[in-house]
N, C-alpha and C. Protein backbone atom coordinates (compact mmCIF):
# COMPACT_ATOMS: atom_id res chain seq x y z
N UNK A 1 -0.64 31.05 1.78
CA UNK A 1 0.12 29.97 2.39
C UNK A 1 0.02 30.06 3.91
N UNK A 2 -0.11 28.90 4.57
CA UNK A 2 -0.24 28.86 6.02
C UNK A 2 0.72 27.80 6.57
N UNK A 3 1.03 27.92 7.86
CA UNK A 3 2.05 27.05 8.45
C UNK A 3 1.54 26.38 9.72
N UNK A 4 2.00 25.16 9.93
CA UNK A 4 1.68 24.39 11.13
C UNK A 4 2.98 23.98 11.84
N UNK A 5 3.01 24.19 13.16
CA UNK A 5 4.11 23.71 13.99
C UNK A 5 3.60 22.56 14.82
N UNK A 6 4.35 21.46 14.80
CA UNK A 6 3.93 20.23 15.48
C UNK A 6 5.07 19.76 16.38
N UNK A 7 4.72 19.37 17.59
CA UNK A 7 5.66 18.71 18.49
C UNK A 7 5.10 17.35 18.79
N UNK A 8 5.89 16.30 18.55
CA UNK A 8 5.37 14.93 18.67
C UNK A 8 6.41 14.03 19.31
N UNK A 9 5.98 12.89 19.78
CA UNK A 9 6.92 11.90 20.28
C UNK A 9 7.83 11.45 19.14
N UNK A 10 9.07 11.18 19.46
CA UNK A 10 10.02 10.76 18.46
C UNK A 10 9.86 9.27 18.16
N UNK A 11 8.91 8.97 17.28
CA UNK A 11 8.62 7.59 16.95
C UNK A 11 8.54 7.39 15.44
N UNK A 12 8.77 6.17 14.99
CA UNK A 12 8.70 5.83 13.58
C UNK A 12 7.26 6.09 13.07
N UNK A 13 7.16 6.76 11.92
CA UNK A 13 5.86 6.95 11.27
C UNK A 13 5.16 8.25 11.59
N UNK A 14 5.74 9.05 12.49
CA UNK A 14 5.07 10.31 12.86
C UNK A 14 4.93 11.23 11.66
N UNK A 15 6.02 11.44 10.95
CA UNK A 15 5.97 12.35 9.79
C UNK A 15 5.01 11.81 8.74
N UNK A 16 5.01 10.50 8.52
CA UNK A 16 4.06 9.89 7.59
C UNK A 16 2.62 10.18 7.98
N UNK A 17 2.32 10.02 9.27
CA UNK A 17 0.95 10.24 9.73
C UNK A 17 0.52 11.69 9.53
N UNK A 18 1.42 12.61 9.80
CA UNK A 18 1.10 14.03 9.67
C UNK A 18 0.88 14.40 8.21
N UNK A 19 1.79 14.00 7.34
CA UNK A 19 1.66 14.37 5.93
C UNK A 19 0.47 13.70 5.27
N UNK A 20 0.08 12.55 5.75
CA UNK A 20 -1.12 11.87 5.24
C UNK A 20 -2.35 12.70 5.51
N UNK A 21 -2.45 13.28 6.70
CA UNK A 21 -3.59 14.14 7.03
C UNK A 21 -3.64 15.36 6.14
N UNK A 22 -2.47 15.94 5.88
CA UNK A 22 -2.42 17.11 4.99
C UNK A 22 -2.91 16.74 3.60
N UNK A 23 -2.43 15.62 3.07
CA UNK A 23 -2.81 15.18 1.73
C UNK A 23 -4.31 14.86 1.65
N UNK A 24 -4.82 14.23 2.67
CA UNK A 24 -6.23 13.84 2.67
C UNK A 24 -7.15 15.05 2.63
N UNK A 25 -6.67 16.16 3.15
CA UNK A 25 -7.49 17.38 3.18
C UNK A 25 -7.11 18.32 2.04
N UNK A 26 -6.37 17.82 1.05
CA UNK A 26 -6.09 18.61 -0.15
C UNK A 26 -4.98 19.62 -0.03
N UNK A 27 -4.15 19.51 1.01
CA UNK A 27 -3.06 20.47 1.17
C UNK A 27 -1.81 20.05 0.40
N UNK A 28 -1.09 21.05 -0.08
CA UNK A 28 0.19 20.81 -0.78
C UNK A 28 1.31 21.38 0.07
N UNK A 29 2.22 20.50 0.53
CA UNK A 29 3.33 20.94 1.37
C UNK A 29 4.40 21.56 0.48
N UNK A 30 4.67 22.84 0.69
CA UNK A 30 5.68 23.53 -0.13
C UNK A 30 7.02 23.69 0.60
N UNK A 31 6.99 23.50 1.92
CA UNK A 31 8.25 23.52 2.69
C UNK A 31 8.06 22.69 3.95
N UNK A 32 9.06 21.87 4.30
CA UNK A 32 8.98 21.03 5.48
C UNK A 32 10.30 21.07 6.21
N UNK A 33 10.23 21.04 7.55
CA UNK A 33 11.42 21.04 8.38
C UNK A 33 11.15 20.13 9.58
N UNK A 34 12.08 19.26 9.88
CA UNK A 34 11.89 18.34 10.99
C UNK A 34 13.23 18.09 11.70
N UNK A 35 13.21 18.18 13.04
CA UNK A 35 14.41 17.92 13.80
C UNK A 35 14.05 17.59 15.25
N UNK A 36 15.02 17.03 15.98
CA UNK A 36 14.82 16.72 17.39
C UNK A 36 15.10 17.95 18.23
N UNK A 37 14.27 18.17 19.24
CA UNK A 37 14.46 19.30 20.15
C UNK A 37 15.50 18.92 21.21
N UNK A 38 16.50 19.79 21.42
CA UNK A 38 17.60 19.44 22.31
C UNK A 38 17.63 20.27 23.59
N UNK A 39 16.63 21.08 23.82
CA UNK A 39 16.59 21.83 25.07
C UNK A 39 15.14 22.19 25.44
N UNK A 40 14.97 22.54 26.70
CA UNK A 40 13.66 22.97 27.13
C UNK A 40 12.75 21.82 27.52
N UNK A 41 11.49 22.15 27.74
CA UNK A 41 10.52 21.17 28.24
C UNK A 41 10.22 20.06 27.24
N UNK A 42 10.50 20.29 25.96
CA UNK A 42 10.19 19.26 24.93
C UNK A 42 11.45 18.51 24.47
N UNK A 43 12.50 18.55 25.26
CA UNK A 43 13.76 17.86 24.89
C UNK A 43 13.48 16.40 24.52
N UNK A 44 14.05 15.99 23.38
CA UNK A 44 13.90 14.62 22.94
C UNK A 44 12.69 14.41 22.04
N UNK A 45 11.82 15.41 21.94
CA UNK A 45 10.64 15.29 21.09
C UNK A 45 10.99 15.75 19.66
N UNK A 46 10.16 15.39 18.72
CA UNK A 46 10.36 15.80 17.32
C UNK A 46 9.56 17.08 17.06
N UNK A 47 10.19 18.04 16.41
CA UNK A 47 9.50 19.26 15.96
C UNK A 47 9.36 19.20 14.45
N UNK A 48 8.15 19.37 13.99
CA UNK A 48 7.86 19.34 12.55
C UNK A 48 7.18 20.66 12.18
N UNK A 49 7.71 21.31 11.17
CA UNK A 49 7.14 22.57 10.71
C UNK A 49 6.80 22.42 9.22
N UNK A 50 5.57 22.74 8.85
CA UNK A 50 5.12 22.61 7.48
C UNK A 50 4.52 23.91 6.99
N UNK A 51 4.86 24.29 5.75
CA UNK A 51 4.17 25.40 5.07
C UNK A 51 3.32 24.78 3.98
N UNK A 52 2.04 25.14 3.96
CA UNK A 52 1.05 24.43 3.16
C UNK A 52 0.23 25.38 2.29
N UNK A 53 0.04 24.98 1.05
CA UNK A 53 -0.85 25.69 0.14
C UNK A 53 -2.13 24.91 -0.06
N UNK A 54 -3.25 25.63 -0.10
CA UNK A 54 -4.52 25.00 -0.47
C UNK A 54 -5.05 24.04 0.58
N UNK A 55 -6.17 23.40 0.23
CA UNK A 55 -6.79 22.42 1.10
C UNK A 55 -7.60 23.04 2.22
N UNK A 56 -8.20 22.20 3.02
CA UNK A 56 -8.99 22.62 4.17
C UNK A 56 -8.07 22.69 5.38
N UNK A 57 -7.49 23.86 5.61
CA UNK A 57 -6.46 24.00 6.62
C UNK A 57 -6.99 23.69 8.02
N UNK A 58 -8.16 24.22 8.37
CA UNK A 58 -8.72 24.00 9.69
C UNK A 58 -8.96 22.51 9.96
N UNK A 59 -9.45 21.81 8.93
CA UNK A 59 -9.73 20.36 9.09
C UNK A 59 -8.44 19.57 9.26
N UNK A 60 -7.41 19.90 8.47
CA UNK A 60 -6.16 19.15 8.61
C UNK A 60 -5.50 19.41 9.95
N UNK A 61 -5.58 20.66 10.45
CA UNK A 61 -4.99 21.00 11.74
C UNK A 61 -5.72 20.23 12.85
N UNK A 62 -7.03 20.16 12.74
CA UNK A 62 -7.82 19.43 13.74
C UNK A 62 -7.45 17.96 13.77
N UNK A 63 -7.32 17.36 12.59
CA UNK A 63 -7.01 15.92 12.55
C UNK A 63 -5.56 15.62 12.97
N UNK A 64 -4.65 16.56 12.69
CA UNK A 64 -3.26 16.38 13.15
C UNK A 64 -3.22 16.40 14.68
N UNK A 65 -4.00 17.27 15.29
CA UNK A 65 -4.05 17.32 16.75
C UNK A 65 -4.53 16.02 17.36
N UNK A 66 -5.33 15.25 16.59
CA UNK A 66 -5.90 14.01 17.09
C UNK A 66 -4.99 12.81 16.93
N UNK A 67 -3.83 12.98 16.22
CA UNK A 67 -2.89 11.88 16.07
C UNK A 67 -2.29 11.55 17.44
N UNK A 68 -2.23 10.27 17.75
CA UNK A 68 -1.83 9.83 19.10
C UNK A 68 -0.47 10.33 19.53
N UNK A 69 0.48 10.37 18.58
CA UNK A 69 1.86 10.76 18.92
C UNK A 69 2.05 12.26 19.00
N UNK A 70 1.10 13.03 18.53
CA UNK A 70 1.21 14.49 18.49
C UNK A 70 0.83 15.09 19.84
N UNK A 71 1.73 15.93 20.38
CA UNK A 71 1.46 16.57 21.66
C UNK A 71 1.04 18.03 21.50
N UNK A 72 1.58 18.68 20.49
CA UNK A 72 1.23 20.09 20.22
C UNK A 72 1.09 20.24 18.72
N UNK A 73 0.05 20.97 18.27
CA UNK A 73 -0.11 21.30 16.86
C UNK A 73 -0.82 22.66 16.82
N UNK A 74 -0.18 23.62 16.19
CA UNK A 74 -0.78 24.96 16.14
C UNK A 74 -0.34 25.69 14.88
N UNK A 75 -1.13 26.65 14.49
CA UNK A 75 -0.78 27.46 13.33
C UNK A 75 0.26 28.50 13.73
N UNK A 76 1.22 28.74 12.82
CA UNK A 76 2.24 29.76 13.02
C UNK A 76 2.34 30.65 11.78
N UNK A 77 2.92 31.84 11.93
CA UNK A 77 3.25 32.64 10.76
C UNK A 77 4.32 31.95 9.94
N UNK A 78 4.29 32.09 8.64
CA UNK A 78 5.30 31.48 7.79
C UNK A 78 6.64 32.19 7.93
N UNK A 79 7.72 31.51 7.57
CA UNK A 79 9.04 32.14 7.57
C UNK A 79 9.08 33.33 6.61
N UNK A 80 8.35 33.21 5.51
CA UNK A 80 8.30 34.32 4.56
C UNK A 80 7.70 35.55 5.19
N UNK A 81 6.66 35.37 5.98
CA UNK A 81 5.99 36.51 6.64
C UNK A 81 6.90 37.15 7.69
N UNK A 82 7.71 36.33 8.36
CA UNK A 82 8.53 36.85 9.46
C UNK A 82 9.89 37.34 8.97
N UNK A 83 10.62 36.48 8.26
CA UNK A 83 11.99 36.80 7.88
C UNK A 83 12.15 37.22 6.42
N UNK A 84 11.19 36.87 5.58
CA UNK A 84 11.23 37.27 4.18
C UNK A 84 12.38 36.66 3.39
N UNK A 85 12.89 37.42 2.44
CA UNK A 85 13.98 36.96 1.59
C UNK A 85 15.30 37.03 2.36
N UNK A 86 16.21 36.12 2.02
CA UNK A 86 17.47 36.04 2.75
C UNK A 86 18.65 36.43 1.87
N UNK A 87 19.48 37.34 2.39
CA UNK A 87 20.77 37.67 1.78
C UNK A 87 21.82 36.86 2.53
N UNK A 88 22.62 36.09 1.81
CA UNK A 88 23.69 35.28 2.42
C UNK A 88 25.03 35.92 2.12
N UNK A 89 25.83 36.11 3.17
CA UNK A 89 27.17 36.71 3.01
C UNK A 89 28.22 35.72 3.53
N UNK A 90 29.15 35.35 2.66
CA UNK A 90 30.20 34.39 3.03
C UNK A 90 31.59 34.98 2.72
N UNK A 91 32.57 34.60 3.55
CA UNK A 91 33.95 35.01 3.24
C UNK A 91 34.73 35.39 4.47
N UNK A 92 35.77 36.20 4.26
CA UNK A 92 36.66 36.63 5.34
C UNK A 92 35.98 37.53 6.35
N UNK A 93 36.31 37.39 7.63
CA UNK A 93 35.62 38.06 8.72
C UNK A 93 35.44 39.54 8.58
N UNK A 94 36.55 40.30 8.39
CA UNK A 94 36.47 41.76 8.34
C UNK A 94 35.62 42.24 7.16
N UNK A 95 35.80 41.61 6.00
CA UNK A 95 35.04 42.00 4.81
C UNK A 95 33.58 41.60 4.96
N UNK A 96 33.34 40.44 5.57
CA UNK A 96 31.95 40.02 5.79
C UNK A 96 31.20 41.06 6.66
N UNK A 97 31.89 41.56 7.66
CA UNK A 97 31.24 42.53 8.56
C UNK A 97 30.89 43.81 7.82
N UNK A 98 31.73 44.22 6.88
CA UNK A 98 31.46 45.44 6.12
C UNK A 98 30.30 45.24 5.14
N UNK A 99 30.28 44.07 4.48
CA UNK A 99 29.15 43.74 3.60
C UNK A 99 27.87 43.68 4.42
N UNK A 100 27.92 43.06 5.58
CA UNK A 100 26.75 42.95 6.44
C UNK A 100 26.25 44.32 6.88
N UNK A 101 27.18 45.25 7.15
CA UNK A 101 26.81 46.59 7.53
C UNK A 101 25.96 47.25 6.44
N UNK A 102 26.42 47.15 5.20
CA UNK A 102 25.65 47.72 4.10
C UNK A 102 24.32 47.03 3.91
N UNK A 103 24.32 45.69 3.99
CA UNK A 103 23.09 44.95 3.77
C UNK A 103 22.06 45.22 4.87
N UNK A 104 22.52 45.20 6.12
CA UNK A 104 21.59 45.40 7.23
C UNK A 104 21.01 46.82 7.21
N UNK A 105 21.86 47.80 6.93
CA UNK A 105 21.37 49.19 6.87
C UNK A 105 20.33 49.36 5.78
N UNK A 106 20.58 48.76 4.62
CA UNK A 106 19.62 48.88 3.52
C UNK A 106 18.34 48.08 3.78
N UNK A 107 18.51 46.88 4.36
CA UNK A 107 17.34 46.06 4.70
C UNK A 107 16.45 46.77 5.71
N UNK A 108 17.07 47.47 6.64
CA UNK A 108 16.31 48.20 7.64
C UNK A 108 15.39 49.23 7.00
N UNK A 109 15.89 49.94 6.00
CA UNK A 109 15.05 50.91 5.30
C UNK A 109 13.86 50.26 4.66
N UNK A 110 14.07 49.13 4.00
CA UNK A 110 12.98 48.44 3.31
C UNK A 110 12.00 47.81 4.28
N UNK A 111 12.53 47.23 5.35
CA UNK A 111 11.64 46.57 6.32
C UNK A 111 10.76 47.56 7.06
N UNK A 112 11.25 48.77 7.28
CA UNK A 112 10.43 49.80 7.89
C UNK A 112 9.27 50.20 7.01
N UNK A 113 9.40 49.90 5.71
CA UNK A 113 8.33 50.22 4.75
C UNK A 113 7.45 49.02 4.44
N UNK A 114 7.62 47.97 5.22
CA UNK A 114 6.71 46.82 5.08
C UNK A 114 7.27 45.62 4.38
N UNK A 115 8.51 45.69 3.86
CA UNK A 115 9.10 44.50 3.26
C UNK A 115 9.71 43.61 4.36
N UNK A 116 10.14 42.43 3.96
CA UNK A 116 10.82 41.53 4.87
C UNK A 116 12.06 40.98 4.18
N UNK A 117 13.23 41.46 4.61
CA UNK A 117 14.51 41.00 4.06
C UNK A 117 15.44 40.76 5.24
N UNK A 118 16.03 39.58 5.33
CA UNK A 118 16.95 39.26 6.42
C UNK A 118 18.34 39.00 5.87
N UNK A 119 19.35 39.13 6.74
CA UNK A 119 20.74 39.00 6.33
C UNK A 119 21.40 37.92 7.19
N UNK A 120 21.99 36.91 6.52
CA UNK A 120 22.72 35.83 7.21
C UNK A 120 24.19 35.92 6.84
N UNK A 121 25.07 35.90 7.84
CA UNK A 121 26.50 36.01 7.57
C UNK A 121 27.23 34.81 8.17
N UNK A 122 28.34 34.45 7.50
CA UNK A 122 29.19 33.40 8.03
C UNK A 122 30.63 33.65 7.62
N UNK A 123 31.50 34.05 8.54
CA UNK A 123 32.93 34.14 8.22
C UNK A 123 33.49 32.74 7.99
N UNK A 124 34.03 32.50 6.83
CA UNK A 124 34.57 31.17 6.50
C UNK A 124 35.75 31.34 5.56
N UNK A 125 36.80 30.56 5.77
CA UNK A 125 38.00 30.65 4.93
C UNK A 125 38.38 29.24 4.44
N UNK A 126 39.14 29.21 3.37
CA UNK A 126 39.58 27.93 2.80
C UNK A 126 38.74 27.55 1.58
N UNK A 127 39.40 27.08 0.54
CA UNK A 127 38.68 26.77 -0.70
C UNK A 127 37.60 25.72 -0.49
N UNK A 128 37.94 24.64 0.16
CA UNK A 128 36.95 23.57 0.38
C UNK A 128 35.77 24.05 1.21
N UNK A 129 36.09 24.79 2.26
CA UNK A 129 35.05 25.26 3.17
C UNK A 129 34.10 26.26 2.49
N UNK A 130 34.66 27.19 1.73
CA UNK A 130 33.83 28.18 1.06
C UNK A 130 33.02 27.53 -0.05
N UNK A 131 33.64 26.59 -0.79
CA UNK A 131 32.91 25.89 -1.86
C UNK A 131 31.72 25.12 -1.29
N UNK A 132 31.92 24.47 -0.16
CA UNK A 132 30.82 23.72 0.47
C UNK A 132 29.72 24.68 0.91
N UNK A 133 30.11 25.83 1.45
CA UNK A 133 29.11 26.81 1.91
C UNK A 133 28.33 27.37 0.74
N UNK A 134 29.00 27.65 -0.37
CA UNK A 134 28.30 28.17 -1.56
C UNK A 134 27.33 27.13 -2.09
N UNK A 135 27.74 25.88 -2.13
CA UNK A 135 26.85 24.81 -2.59
C UNK A 135 25.62 24.70 -1.68
N UNK A 136 25.82 24.89 -0.39
CA UNK A 136 24.72 24.77 0.57
C UNK A 136 23.71 25.89 0.46
N UNK A 137 24.11 27.03 -0.11
CA UNK A 137 23.17 28.14 -0.26
C UNK A 137 21.97 27.73 -1.09
N UNK A 138 22.19 26.86 -2.08
CA UNK A 138 21.10 26.38 -2.93
C UNK A 138 20.07 25.56 -2.17
N UNK A 139 20.44 25.07 -0.98
CA UNK A 139 19.51 24.28 -0.17
C UNK A 139 18.84 25.12 0.91
N UNK A 140 19.22 26.39 1.04
CA UNK A 140 18.66 27.22 2.08
C UNK A 140 17.29 27.74 1.66
N UNK A 141 16.35 27.62 2.56
CA UNK A 141 15.00 28.12 2.33
C UNK A 141 15.02 29.64 2.19
N UNK A 142 14.44 30.18 1.15
CA UNK A 142 14.27 31.60 0.88
C UNK A 142 15.56 32.33 0.56
N UNK A 143 16.66 31.62 0.30
CA UNK A 143 17.90 32.31 -0.10
C UNK A 143 17.67 33.02 -1.41
N UNK A 144 17.95 34.33 -1.44
CA UNK A 144 17.62 35.13 -2.62
C UNK A 144 18.82 35.75 -3.29
N UNK A 145 19.96 35.88 -2.59
CA UNK A 145 21.18 36.42 -3.20
C UNK A 145 22.36 36.05 -2.32
N UNK A 146 23.51 35.89 -2.94
CA UNK A 146 24.76 35.56 -2.25
C UNK A 146 25.80 36.64 -2.51
N UNK A 147 26.48 37.07 -1.45
CA UNK A 147 27.62 37.97 -1.58
C UNK A 147 28.86 37.25 -1.08
N UNK A 148 29.90 37.20 -1.91
CA UNK A 148 31.18 36.59 -1.56
C UNK A 148 32.18 37.68 -1.25
N UNK A 149 32.69 37.66 0.00
CA UNK A 149 33.60 38.70 0.47
C UNK A 149 34.94 38.06 0.81
N UNK A 150 35.99 38.41 0.10
CA UNK A 150 37.30 37.84 0.38
C UNK A 150 38.34 38.46 -0.54
N UNK A 151 39.59 38.05 -0.35
CA UNK A 151 40.69 38.58 -1.15
C UNK A 151 41.11 37.65 -2.28
N UNK A 152 40.76 36.35 -2.14
CA UNK A 152 41.15 35.37 -3.15
C UNK A 152 40.14 34.22 -3.15
N UNK A 153 39.46 34.02 -4.29
CA UNK A 153 38.54 32.90 -4.41
C UNK A 153 38.57 32.40 -5.84
N UNK A 154 38.68 31.08 -5.97
CA UNK A 154 38.70 30.47 -7.28
C UNK A 154 38.53 28.97 -7.18
N UNK A 155 38.95 28.25 -8.19
CA UNK A 155 38.93 26.79 -8.14
C UNK A 155 37.55 26.23 -7.91
N UNK A 156 37.41 25.42 -6.88
CA UNK A 156 36.15 24.77 -6.57
C UNK A 156 35.04 25.77 -6.22
N UNK A 157 35.45 26.91 -5.66
CA UNK A 157 34.44 27.94 -5.33
C UNK A 157 33.80 28.45 -6.61
N UNK A 158 34.61 28.69 -7.62
CA UNK A 158 34.10 29.18 -8.89
C UNK A 158 33.10 28.19 -9.49
N UNK A 159 33.43 26.92 -9.43
CA UNK A 159 32.54 25.87 -9.96
C UNK A 159 31.19 25.92 -9.24
N UNK A 160 31.21 26.08 -7.92
CA UNK A 160 29.97 26.09 -7.16
C UNK A 160 29.16 27.37 -7.42
N UNK A 161 29.85 28.49 -7.67
CA UNK A 161 29.16 29.72 -8.03
C UNK A 161 28.38 29.54 -9.33
N UNK A 162 29.02 28.92 -10.31
CA UNK A 162 28.37 28.65 -11.60
C UNK A 162 27.13 27.80 -11.41
N UNK A 163 27.24 26.75 -10.58
CA UNK A 163 26.10 25.88 -10.34
C UNK A 163 24.98 26.61 -9.58
N UNK A 164 25.36 27.44 -8.64
CA UNK A 164 24.35 28.18 -7.85
C UNK A 164 23.56 29.15 -8.73
N UNK A 165 24.25 29.78 -9.64
CA UNK A 165 23.59 30.71 -10.55
C UNK A 165 22.54 30.01 -11.42
N UNK A 166 22.77 28.74 -11.73
CA UNK A 166 21.81 27.97 -12.51
C UNK A 166 20.48 27.82 -11.75
N UNK A 167 20.53 27.96 -10.44
CA UNK A 167 19.32 27.85 -9.63
C UNK A 167 18.61 29.20 -9.48
N UNK A 168 19.12 30.20 -10.18
CA UNK A 168 18.46 31.50 -10.18
C UNK A 168 18.84 32.40 -9.03
N UNK A 169 19.92 32.06 -8.29
CA UNK A 169 20.36 32.91 -7.18
C UNK A 169 21.50 33.79 -7.65
N UNK A 170 21.31 35.11 -7.68
CA UNK A 170 22.37 36.00 -8.14
C UNK A 170 23.55 36.03 -7.17
N UNK A 171 24.75 36.19 -7.72
CA UNK A 171 25.96 36.19 -6.91
C UNK A 171 26.72 37.51 -7.15
N UNK A 172 26.97 38.21 -6.05
CA UNK A 172 27.79 39.42 -6.07
C UNK A 172 29.11 39.10 -5.40
N UNK A 173 30.22 39.49 -6.02
CA UNK A 173 31.53 39.23 -5.46
C UNK A 173 32.27 40.56 -5.26
N UNK A 174 33.06 40.63 -4.19
CA UNK A 174 33.94 41.79 -4.06
C UNK A 174 35.06 41.66 -5.08
N UNK A 175 35.69 42.78 -5.38
CA UNK A 175 36.85 42.76 -6.27
C UNK A 175 37.97 42.02 -5.56
N UNK A 176 38.43 40.93 -6.15
CA UNK A 176 39.41 40.07 -5.50
C UNK A 176 40.23 39.33 -6.53
N UNK A 177 41.29 38.65 -6.07
CA UNK A 177 42.06 37.78 -6.94
C UNK A 177 41.33 36.45 -7.09
N UNK A 178 41.64 35.73 -8.18
CA UNK A 178 40.99 34.46 -8.43
C UNK A 178 39.95 34.55 -9.52
N UNK A 179 39.33 33.43 -9.83
CA UNK A 179 38.38 33.35 -10.95
C UNK A 179 36.94 33.61 -10.58
N UNK A 180 36.61 33.71 -9.30
CA UNK A 180 35.21 33.96 -8.92
C UNK A 180 34.66 35.25 -9.52
N UNK A 181 35.40 36.38 -9.53
CA UNK A 181 34.87 37.58 -10.17
C UNK A 181 34.50 37.41 -11.65
N UNK A 182 35.15 36.44 -12.31
CA UNK A 182 34.86 36.23 -13.74
C UNK A 182 33.49 35.60 -13.97
N UNK A 183 32.95 34.91 -12.97
CA UNK A 183 31.67 34.22 -13.13
C UNK A 183 30.55 34.85 -12.32
N UNK A 184 30.90 35.78 -11.41
CA UNK A 184 29.89 36.45 -10.60
C UNK A 184 29.00 37.34 -11.47
N UNK A 185 27.79 37.58 -11.02
CA UNK A 185 26.89 38.47 -11.78
C UNK A 185 27.35 39.91 -11.72
N UNK A 186 27.98 40.28 -10.62
CA UNK A 186 28.43 41.67 -10.45
C UNK A 186 29.63 41.67 -9.52
N UNK A 187 30.63 42.51 -9.83
CA UNK A 187 31.82 42.67 -8.99
C UNK A 187 31.81 44.08 -8.42
N UNK A 188 31.93 44.20 -7.11
CA UNK A 188 31.86 45.50 -6.45
C UNK A 188 33.11 45.72 -5.60
N UNK A 189 33.72 46.88 -5.73
CA UNK A 189 34.95 47.17 -4.98
C UNK A 189 34.68 47.50 -3.52
N UNK A 190 33.59 48.21 -3.26
CA UNK A 190 33.29 48.65 -1.90
C UNK A 190 32.38 47.62 -1.23
N UNK A 191 32.84 46.98 -0.12
CA UNK A 191 32.03 45.95 0.52
C UNK A 191 30.69 46.45 1.05
N UNK A 192 30.65 47.69 1.56
CA UNK A 192 29.38 48.24 2.04
C UNK A 192 28.39 48.37 0.90
N UNK A 193 28.87 48.84 -0.24
CA UNK A 193 28.00 48.96 -1.42
C UNK A 193 27.53 47.58 -1.89
N UNK A 194 28.40 46.58 -1.79
CA UNK A 194 28.02 45.23 -2.22
C UNK A 194 26.82 44.74 -1.42
N UNK A 195 26.84 44.96 -0.09
CA UNK A 195 25.72 44.56 0.73
C UNK A 195 24.47 45.35 0.41
N UNK A 196 24.64 46.64 0.16
CA UNK A 196 23.49 47.48 -0.17
C UNK A 196 22.84 47.04 -1.49
N UNK A 197 23.65 46.76 -2.49
CA UNK A 197 23.12 46.35 -3.78
C UNK A 197 22.47 44.98 -3.74
N UNK A 198 22.97 44.08 -2.89
CA UNK A 198 22.34 42.78 -2.74
C UNK A 198 20.90 42.93 -2.25
N UNK A 199 20.69 43.78 -1.28
CA UNK A 199 19.35 44.01 -0.75
C UNK A 199 18.49 44.67 -1.81
N UNK A 200 19.02 45.65 -2.51
CA UNK A 200 18.24 46.33 -3.55
C UNK A 200 17.85 45.37 -4.68
N UNK A 201 18.69 44.38 -4.93
CA UNK A 201 18.38 43.40 -5.98
C UNK A 201 17.17 42.56 -5.61
N UNK A 202 17.04 42.14 -4.36
CA UNK A 202 15.95 41.25 -3.99
C UNK A 202 14.70 42.00 -3.55
N UNK A 203 14.83 43.30 -3.33
CA UNK A 203 13.69 44.10 -2.88
C UNK A 203 12.62 44.21 -3.98
N UNK A 204 11.38 44.21 -3.56
CA UNK A 204 10.28 44.41 -4.51
C UNK A 204 10.07 45.88 -4.84
N UNK A 205 10.70 46.78 -4.05
CA UNK A 205 10.44 48.21 -4.23
C UNK A 205 11.62 48.97 -4.79
N UNK A 206 12.82 48.44 -4.64
CA UNK A 206 14.00 49.14 -5.18
C UNK A 206 14.03 49.07 -6.71
N UNK A 207 14.71 50.02 -7.33
CA UNK A 207 14.75 50.07 -8.77
C UNK A 207 16.01 49.45 -9.37
N UNK A 208 16.88 48.92 -8.53
CA UNK A 208 18.11 48.29 -9.02
C UNK A 208 17.80 46.91 -9.61
N UNK A 209 18.36 46.63 -10.79
CA UNK A 209 18.18 45.34 -11.47
C UNK A 209 19.56 44.84 -11.86
N UNK A 210 19.98 43.74 -11.22
CA UNK A 210 21.35 43.24 -11.47
C UNK A 210 21.54 42.80 -12.91
N UNK A 211 20.46 42.43 -13.60
CA UNK A 211 20.57 42.00 -14.99
C UNK A 211 21.02 43.13 -15.91
N UNK A 212 20.78 44.37 -15.50
CA UNK A 212 21.16 45.50 -16.33
C UNK A 212 22.63 45.87 -16.19
N UNK A 213 23.29 45.32 -15.15
CA UNK A 213 24.70 45.60 -14.95
C UNK A 213 25.52 44.30 -14.89
N UNK A 214 24.88 43.20 -15.28
CA UNK A 214 25.52 41.90 -15.15
C UNK A 214 26.85 41.86 -15.89
N UNK A 215 27.87 41.32 -15.20
CA UNK A 215 29.20 41.20 -15.80
C UNK A 215 30.05 42.44 -15.62
N UNK A 216 29.50 43.49 -15.03
CA UNK A 216 30.28 44.73 -14.86
C UNK A 216 30.99 44.76 -13.52
N UNK A 217 31.90 45.69 -13.40
CA UNK A 217 32.63 45.92 -12.14
C UNK A 217 32.35 47.34 -11.68
N UNK A 218 31.88 47.47 -10.44
CA UNK A 218 31.55 48.78 -9.88
C UNK A 218 32.56 49.17 -8.81
């Protein structure tokens, strides 16, 4: 898989023109990101990032550079190569920090050995807010596991956890009040251990398999 970063004038049809070139050269876009740049020398321009499988990459890059609205087009390393799999940690601030400590420490060990695992945290409270955040995890590129850290979670959060698991993303919850622990893949009392186990679950080299302890409380 290879990636292209494009900076273009913010005009109608730019994305269409770019993706047409990719298709014409036999490329399959497996991930796309597009947004307006809000700072720096390219403020107001459109940034388009594509991850592409197959096709004549050099030819499509050359033709994209020739599009009139395109100002910059270059190959970049993919997000997978740089950041790898993502551990997402949501919940109360103090507990989130402890989960993150375990996850970051464990990820550091694996990354020093050539893996790529990153940790994203967001302190968030409130049933509606946490439910929305859990639902959004399914839309995050490379999200590989979710850890829920809090003292009470249920209701709409539980519903979103069930839906997220259907997408193949394992969910680890701290031991807490509410119905979330009933639907989580694993319940862990120690927040540091929860973060550590999340990384071990997504690692290609660790021997931990959440399916072998699914439904248990540690």
